[in-house]
Amino acid sequence: MGNLRAGGIVSLPIIDLRRGHDECRRAVLDAGKEMGFFQVVNHGVAEQAMRDVGALCHEFFALPEADKAAFYSEDNDKTNRYFSGSTYETVVGHKYWIDCLRLGCTIPVGSSTRDWPDKPNNFRQVVEKFAVQTRSMGMELLRLLAEGMGLRTDYFDGDLGGTDVILGINHYPACPDPTTMIGLPPHCDRNLLTLLIPNKVPGLQLLHNGEWVHVEPLPNAFVVHTGLAFEVLLLYYN
């Protein structure tokens, strides 16, 4: 699945969650098996929630460094942290040109947001609303995948699917010398599903038939990536 267009741009499979249940179940499993990427539309996450969280994240990274310093940490085991990739050097001698805010959100949310930034105003409320809606969509996809694999619908519920959501908010500042910097290195996600909202600046690539190609995102769609944990399950059950 996926249509490779001239110029190295790939059109990912598009799954409309308002279509029939059986059609969606087959489509998400086929996309997960054949490409590992697809786009989801009519996913149930409000467009306003997506716009609000995008605007708020821009505001966060524009804050003075003094306001962000309390959350800065290079400890990978810390659940909530703000960090800069520029402190790490790649194997080819380049720098990672990226700032990231990583947040853990336990569902139901409860008090998990108390360790989140409280600036800009309404940051916790806006991000919490987005996280709850996004997780609901993610769990719907996992249930469709479970059914498609011949498993019980709730196979990924609970501990296996995870009661936690990890929000990774990436910011790529203007780079003075792109020849010495990269955003992120080639990598595989280790989880079951990654739900992405690309911004207006293109840059997302995937490895398709041995070639790195650009992804063309649809407006208000999520790009979904099935991670290594899902690939292992596919090998086991198929």
Protein backbone atom coordinates (compact mmCIF):
# COMPACT_ATOMS: atom_id res chain seq x y z
CA MET A 1 0.00 0.00 0.00
CA GLY A 2 1.10 3.58 -0.45
CA ASN A 3 1.68 5.32 -3.74
CA LEU A 4 5.20 6.56 -4.45
CA ARG A 5 4.98 9.73 -6.50
CA ALA A 6 7.59 11.52 -8.59
CA GLY A 7 10.07 13.45 -6.46
CA GLY A 8 10.28 10.83 -3.72
CA ILE A 9 6.98 11.66 -2.00
CA VAL A 10 4.82 8.82 -0.73
CA SER A 11 1.04 9.00 -0.42
CA LEU A 12 0.16 6.92 2.62
CA PRO A 13 -2.97 4.77 2.84
CA ILE A 14 -5.88 6.89 4.11
CA ILE A 15 -8.28 5.35 6.60
CA ASP A 16 -11.60 7.04 7.30
CA LEU A 17 -12.82 5.89 10.70
CA ARG A 18 -16.38 6.79 9.76
CA ARG A 19 -16.44 3.97 7.20
CA GLY A 20 -17.79 0.56 8.03
CA HIS A 21 -16.22 -1.38 10.89
CA ASP A 22 -15.15 -4.34 8.76
CA GLU A 23 -13.62 -2.07 6.11
CA CYS A 24 -11.60 -0.15 8.74
CA ARG A 25 -10.48 -3.34 10.42
CA ARG A 26 -9.10 -4.75 7.17
CA ALA A 27 -7.57 -1.41 6.14
CA VAL A 28 -5.60 -0.76 9.35
CA LEU A 29 -4.22 -4.31 9.42
CA ASP A 30 -3.21 -4.22 5.75
CA ALA A 31 -1.50 -0.84 6.20
CA GLY A 32 0.24 -2.01 9.36
CA LYS A 33 1.53 -5.15 7.63
CA GLU A 34 2.56 -3.70 4.29
CA MET A 35 3.94 -0.26 5.11
CA GLY A 36 3.69 0.34 8.82
CA PHE A 37 2.34 3.85 8.19
CA PHE A 38 -1.08 5.23 7.33
CA GLN A 39 -3.13 8.39 7.78
CA VAL A 40 -6.38 8.59 9.72
CA VAL A 41 -9.18 11.04 9.01
CA ASN A 42 -12.52 11.52 10.80
CA HIS A 43 -10.68 10.23 13.85
CA GLY A 44 -12.76 11.90 16.55
CA VAL A 45 -10.10 14.32 17.81
CA ALA A 46 -11.62 17.79 17.55
CA GLU A 47 -9.92 20.12 15.06
CA GLN A 48 -10.05 22.86 17.67
CA ALA A 49 -8.19 20.66 20.15
CA MET A 50 -5.51 20.02 17.51
CA ARG A 51 -5.18 23.73 16.72
CA ASP A 52 -5.12 24.70 20.39
CA VAL A 53 -2.38 22.25 21.33
CA GLY A 54 -0.30 23.27 18.31
CA ALA A 55 -0.54 26.96 19.15
CA LEU A 56 0.19 26.35 22.82
CA CYS A 57 3.30 24.30 22.03
CA HIS A 58 4.64 27.13 19.87
CA GLU A 59 4.05 29.46 22.81
CA PHE A 60 5.88 27.11 25.19
CA PHE A 61 9.05 26.96 23.09
CA ALA A 62 8.95 30.75 22.66
CA LEU A 63 9.03 31.28 26.44
CA PRO A 64 12.19 32.75 27.99
CA GLU A 65 14.70 30.05 28.90
CA ALA A 66 14.30 30.94 32.57
CA ASP A 67 10.64 29.81 32.42
CA LYS A 68 11.61 26.44 30.91
CA ALA A 69 14.72 25.79 32.98
CA ALA A 70 12.87 24.04 35.81
CA PHE A 71 11.80 21.27 33.44
CA TYR A 72 15.17 20.82 31.74
CA SER A 73 16.77 17.41 32.26
CA GLU A 74 19.10 15.07 30.39
CA ASP A 75 17.87 12.08 32.41
CA ASN A 76 16.20 9.70 29.91
CA ASP A 77 14.35 7.97 32.75
CA LYS A 78 12.56 11.13 33.83
CA THR A 79 8.92 11.08 32.72
CA ASN A 80 8.38 14.82 32.34
CA ARG A 81 11.27 16.80 30.95
CA TYR A 82 12.40 19.46 28.53
CA PHE A 83 15.67 18.82 26.72
CA SER A 84 17.73 19.82 23.71
CA GLY A 85 19.20 17.40 21.20
CA SER A 86 22.06 19.81 20.58
CA THR A 87 23.82 18.36 23.63
CA TYR A 88 24.18 14.99 21.86
CA GLU A 89 26.53 14.22 19.01
CA THR A 90 25.64 11.78 16.22
CA VAL A 91 27.86 8.99 14.95
CA VAL A 92 28.73 11.10 11.90
CA GLY A 93 29.77 14.12 13.95
CA HIS A 94 26.62 16.14 13.38
CA LYS A 95 24.45 17.70 16.06
CA TYR A 96 20.78 16.97 16.64
CA TRP A 97 19.03 20.29 16.04
CA ILE A 98 15.88 19.73 18.07
CA ASP A 99 14.26 20.81 21.33
CA CYS A 100 11.70 18.49 22.90
CA LEU A 101 9.14 18.56 25.68
CA ARG A 102 8.19 15.07 26.84
CA LEU A 103 5.18 14.55 29.10
CA GLY A 104 3.67 11.49 30.71
CA CYS A 105 -0.10 11.31 31.06
CA THR A 106 -1.78 8.56 33.08
CA ILE A 107 -5.31 7.67 31.96
CA PRO A 108 -7.60 8.45 33.72
CA VAL A 109 -5.68 11.68 34.07
CA GLY A 110 -6.19 12.49 37.73
CA SER A 111 -3.15 14.25 39.19
CA SER A 112 -0.62 13.31 36.48
CA THR A 113 -0.68 16.82 35.03
CA ARG A 114 0.55 18.46 38.23
CA ASP A 115 4.15 17.90 37.14
CA TRP A 116 3.58 19.52 33.74
CA PRO A 117 4.55 23.11 32.93
CA ASP A 118 2.03 25.70 34.09
CA LYS A 119 3.06 28.22 31.43
CA PRO A 120 1.66 29.40 29.05
CA ASN A 121 -1.75 29.91 30.61
CA ASN A 122 -4.09 26.90 30.33
CA PHE A 123 -1.21 24.68 29.17
CA ARG A 124 -2.24 21.75 31.37
CA GLN A 125 -5.93 21.93 30.52
CA VAL A 126 -5.39 22.19 26.75
CA VAL A 127 -2.80 19.39 26.56
CA GLU A 128 -4.86 17.14 28.83
CA LYS A 129 -7.94 17.52 26.62
CA PHE A 130 -5.88 16.70 23.54
CA ALA A 131 -4.23 13.68 25.21
CA VAL A 132 -7.54 12.16 26.30
CA GLN A 133 -9.10 12.50 22.84
CA THR A 134 -5.98 11.20 21.10
CA ARG A 135 -5.70 8.17 23.35
CA SER A 136 -9.34 7.33 22.65
CA MET A 137 -8.59 7.30 18.93
CA GLY A 138 -5.43 5.25 19.49
CA MET A 139 -7.33 2.63 21.47
CA GLU A 140 -9.94 2.39 18.70
CA LEU A 141 -7.15 1.66 16.23
CA LEU A 142 -5.66 -0.98 18.54
CA ARG A 143 -9.03 -2.69 18.86
CA LEU A 144 -9.39 -2.77 15.08
CA LEU A 145 -5.88 -4.20 14.76
CA ALA A 146 -6.61 -6.84 17.40
CA GLU A 147 -9.75 -7.97 15.59
CA GLY A 148 -7.93 -8.03 12.27
CA MET A 149 -5.28 -10.33 13.78
CA GLY A 150 -7.96 -12.69 15.08
CA LEU A 151 -7.51 -11.64 18.70
CA ARG A 152 -10.21 -10.59 21.13
CA THR A 153 -11.21 -6.94 20.73
CA ASP A 154 -9.84 -5.87 24.14
CA TYR A 155 -6.47 -7.63 23.71
CA PHE A 156 -4.54 -4.34 23.89
CA ASP A 157 -6.61 -2.85 26.71
CA GLY A 158 -5.10 -2.53 30.16
CA ASP A 159 -1.40 -3.04 30.79
CA LEU A 160 -0.50 -4.31 27.32
CA GLY A 161 -1.96 -1.32 25.49
CA GLY A 162 -0.84 0.86 28.34
CA THR A 163 -2.76 3.20 30.57
CA ASP A 164 -0.16 5.89 29.94
CA VAL A 165 0.27 8.26 27.04
CA ILE A 166 3.68 9.75 26.28
CA LEU A 167 3.46 13.10 24.55
CA GLY A 168 6.56 14.11 22.64
CA ILE A 169 6.44 17.71 21.40
CA ASN A 170 9.30 18.44 19.01
CA HIS A 171 10.54 21.88 18.04
CA TYR A 172 13.11 22.48 15.30
CA PRO A 173 14.63 25.97 15.66
CA ALA A 174 15.97 27.84 12.66
CA CYS A 175 19.37 26.32 11.93
CA PRO A 176 22.41 28.50 11.12
CA ASP A 177 24.23 25.68 9.28
CA PRO A 178 22.05 22.75 8.11
CA THR A 179 25.11 20.94 6.73
CA THR A 180 26.28 20.18 10.28
CA MET A 181 22.88 19.45 11.86
CA ILE A 182 20.11 16.87 11.60
CA GLY A 183 16.67 16.87 13.20
CA LEU A 184 16.37 13.23 14.26
CA PRO A 185 18.44 10.20 13.26
CA PRO A 186 16.93 7.19 11.45
CA HIS A 187 15.09 5.18 14.10
CA CYS A 188 12.33 2.68 14.86
CA ASP A 189 9.66 3.33 17.47
CA ARG A 190 9.58 0.60 20.11
CA ASN A 191 5.94 0.98 21.13
CA LEU A 192 2.68 -0.33 19.64
CA LEU A 193 1.50 2.86 17.94
CA THR A 194 2.82 6.36 17.38
CA LEU A 195 0.32 9.07 16.47
CA LEU A 196 1.87 12.05 14.72
CA ILE A 197 0.62 15.51 13.81
CA PRO A 198 3.15 16.93 11.33
CA ASN A 199 3.33 20.72 11.26
CA LYS A 200 3.36 23.00 8.24
CA VAL A 201 7.11 22.58 7.74
CA PRO A 202 7.77 19.34 5.80
CA GLY A 203 10.40 16.94 7.03
CA LEU A 204 8.84 13.58 7.96
CA GLN A 205 10.46 10.73 6.04
CA LEU A 206 10.09 6.96 6.05
CA LEU A 207 12.09 4.09 4.61
CA HIS A 208 10.08 2.60 1.75
CA ASN A 209 11.49 -0.20 -0.41
CA GLY A 210 15.02 0.75 0.60
CA GLU A 211 14.59 4.46 -0.18
CA TRP A 212 14.01 7.42 2.14
CA VAL A 213 10.88 9.22 0.93
CA HIS A 214 8.95 12.25 2.12
CA VAL A 215 5.48 11.87 3.64
CA GLU A 216 2.76 14.17 2.37
CA PRO A 217 0.39 14.74 5.32
CA LEU A 218 -3.28 15.59 4.91
CA PRO A 219 -4.79 18.57 6.76
CA ASN A 220 -6.24 17.63 10.17
CA ALA A 221 -5.13 14.00 9.76
CA PHE A 222 -2.98 11.90 12.05
CA VAL A 223 -0.04 9.98 10.63
CA VAL A 224 -0.01 6.60 12.37
CA HIS A 225 3.10 4.44 12.70
CA THR A 226 2.94 0.84 13.90
CA GLY A 227 5.99 0.30 16.07
CA LEU A 228 8.35 -2.60 16.74
CA ALA A 229 6.15 -4.09 19.46
CA PHE A 230 3.32 -4.43 16.94
CA GLU A 231 5.67 -5.98 14.35
CA VAL A 232 6.70 -8.62 16.89
CA LEU A 233 3.05 -9.46 17.55
CA LEU A 234 2.41 -9.76 13.81
CA LEU A 235 5.22 -12.29 13.51
CA TYR A 236 3.84 -14.27 16.44
CA TYR A 237 0.17 -14.36 15.46
CA ASN A 238 0.41 -14.51 11.66
